[in-house]
Amino acid sequence: MTKHTPGPWAYHFEPTLNRHIVRAGFAGERNICVAYGAGLKSYEAAANLRLIAAAPDLLEAVKMFVECDAFIPRLGKVTQDDSAADEERRATIYAIARAALAKAAGEDV
């Protein structure tokens, strides 16, 4: 997998410059992304950058899900009443998670 700037990442807003920033590190020493709002409403820029700030945590959660599901193919299967649709939904979720990991790694999806 491609190396990225390690987390934690955090969202900040600088009202004096009207810019939204995602910074990395505990002291916020590295800018990951900056948006000045050109063409974006402020609430959209804030929402976009909060999502970017969550990226390392989301990536780790998806990795853990895929690793866990690889060892437990019927993760979440607890009753005999689960339908084929439930199984299909689980397979779809697993496929989406694997595709997200590939996308994060820069692989063709």
Protein backbone atom coordinates (compact mmCIF):
# COMPACT_ATOMS: atom_id res chain seq x y z
CA MET A 1 0.00 0.00 0.00
CA THR A 2 1.16 3.52 -0.78
CA LYS A 3 2.59 5.35 2.22
CA HIS A 4 0.65 8.41 3.31
CA THR A 5 1.36 11.03 5.93
CA PRO A 6 0.62 9.29 9.22
CA GLY A 7 -2.28 10.43 11.36
CA PRO A 8 -3.75 11.82 13.36
CA TRP A 9 -5.17 14.37 10.95
CA ALA A 10 -7.34 17.22 12.18
CA TYR A 11 -9.58 19.82 10.59
CA HIS A 12 -9.04 23.51 11.37
CA PHE A 13 -10.73 26.68 10.16
CA GLU A 14 -8.85 29.98 10.05
CA PRO A 15 -11.53 32.66 9.91
CA THR A 16 -9.10 35.54 9.34
CA LEU A 17 -7.98 33.97 6.05
CA ASN A 18 -11.31 32.20 5.38
CA ARG A 19 -9.50 28.94 4.79
CA HIS A 20 -10.14 25.37 5.82
CA ILE A 21 -7.11 23.19 6.58
CA VAL A 22 -6.41 19.55 7.34
CA ARG A 23 -3.20 19.19 9.31
CA ALA A 24 -1.26 16.10 10.28
CA GLY A 25 0.55 15.30 13.48
CA PHE A 26 -0.22 15.99 17.10
CA ALA A 27 1.12 19.53 16.82
CA GLY A 28 -0.47 20.10 13.40
CA GLU A 29 2.92 20.59 11.81
CA ARG A 30 2.02 19.51 8.26
CA ASN A 31 -0.72 20.78 6.00
CA ILE A 32 -2.42 17.93 4.17
CA CYS A 33 -5.05 19.96 2.38
CA VAL A 34 -6.09 23.62 2.21
CA ALA A 35 -9.34 24.98 0.77
CA TYR A 36 -10.04 28.66 0.40
CA GLY A 37 -13.65 28.21 -0.57
CA ALA A 38 -13.30 29.28 -4.20
CA GLY A 39 -16.39 27.80 -5.81
CA LEU A 40 -17.40 26.10 -2.56
CA LYS A 41 -19.78 27.21 0.11
CA SER A 42 -18.07 27.37 3.49
CA TYR A 43 -20.15 24.50 4.89
CA GLU A 44 -19.19 22.32 1.88
CA ALA A 45 -15.49 23.07 2.31
CA ALA A 46 -15.75 22.28 6.02
CA ALA A 47 -17.57 19.00 5.36
CA ASN A 48 -15.07 17.99 2.66
CA LEU A 49 -12.08 18.68 4.85
CA ARG A 50 -13.59 16.94 7.89
CA LEU A 51 -13.98 13.86 5.68
CA ILE A 52 -10.37 14.18 4.53
CA ALA A 53 -9.24 14.54 8.16
CA ALA A 54 -11.01 11.26 8.99
CA ALA A 55 -9.29 9.41 6.11
CA PRO A 56 -6.50 7.71 8.13
CA ASP A 57 -9.03 6.45 10.70
CA LEU A 58 -11.44 5.29 8.01
CA LEU A 59 -8.61 3.53 6.16
CA GLU A 60 -7.58 1.68 9.31
CA ALA A 61 -11.17 0.64 10.04
CA VAL A 62 -11.65 -0.70 6.50
CA LYS A 63 -8.34 -2.63 6.69
CA MET A 64 -9.44 -4.21 9.97
CA PHE A 65 -12.86 -5.09 8.54
CA VAL A 66 -11.38 -6.75 5.46
CA GLU A 67 -8.81 -8.67 7.51
CA CYS A 68 -11.46 -9.82 9.98
CA ASP A 69 -13.96 -10.74 7.26
CA ALA A 70 -11.29 -12.73 5.40
CA PHE A 71 -11.04 -15.05 8.42
CA ILE A 72 -14.76 -15.02 9.23
CA PRO A 73 -16.55 -15.20 5.87
CA ARG A 74 -20.00 -15.10 7.45
CA LEU A 75 -19.28 -12.21 9.80
CA GLY A 76 -22.49 -11.18 11.50
CA LYS A 77 -24.36 -14.40 10.63
CA VAL A 78 -26.14 -15.22 13.87
CA THR A 79 -29.41 -16.91 12.98
CA GLN A 80 -30.81 -19.48 10.60
CA ASP A 81 -33.28 -16.83 9.43
CA ASP A 82 -30.73 -14.77 7.49
CA SER A 83 -31.78 -14.59 3.87
CA ALA A 84 -29.82 -14.87 0.66
CA ALA A 85 -30.30 -11.10 0.34
CA ASP A 86 -28.44 -10.64 3.64
CA GLU A 87 -25.58 -12.76 2.37
CA GLU A 88 -25.52 -10.82 -0.89
CA ARG A 89 -25.44 -7.54 1.04
CA ARG A 90 -22.50 -8.75 3.13
CA ALA A 91 -20.63 -9.75 -0.03
CA THR A 92 -21.34 -6.33 -1.56
CA ILE A 93 -20.08 -4.52 1.55
CA TYR A 94 -16.92 -6.63 1.53
CA ALA A 95 -16.35 -5.88 -2.18
CA ILE A 96 -16.82 -2.14 -1.61
CA ALA A 97 -14.34 -2.23 1.30
CA ARG A 98 -11.73 -4.04 -0.80
CA ALA A 99 -12.26 -1.57 -3.67
CA ALA A 100 -11.80 1.36 -1.26
CA LEU A 101 -8.51 -0.11 -0.06
CA ALA A 102 -7.34 -0.55 -3.65
CA LYS A 103 -8.32 3.05 -4.44
CA ALA A 104 -6.41 4.32 -1.40
CA ALA A 105 -3.37 2.37 -2.59
CA GLY A 106 -3.57 3.94 -6.03
CA GLU A 107 -4.54 0.71 -7.74
CA ASP A 108 -6.96 0.57 -10.64
CA VAL A 109 -10.44 -0.13 -9.35
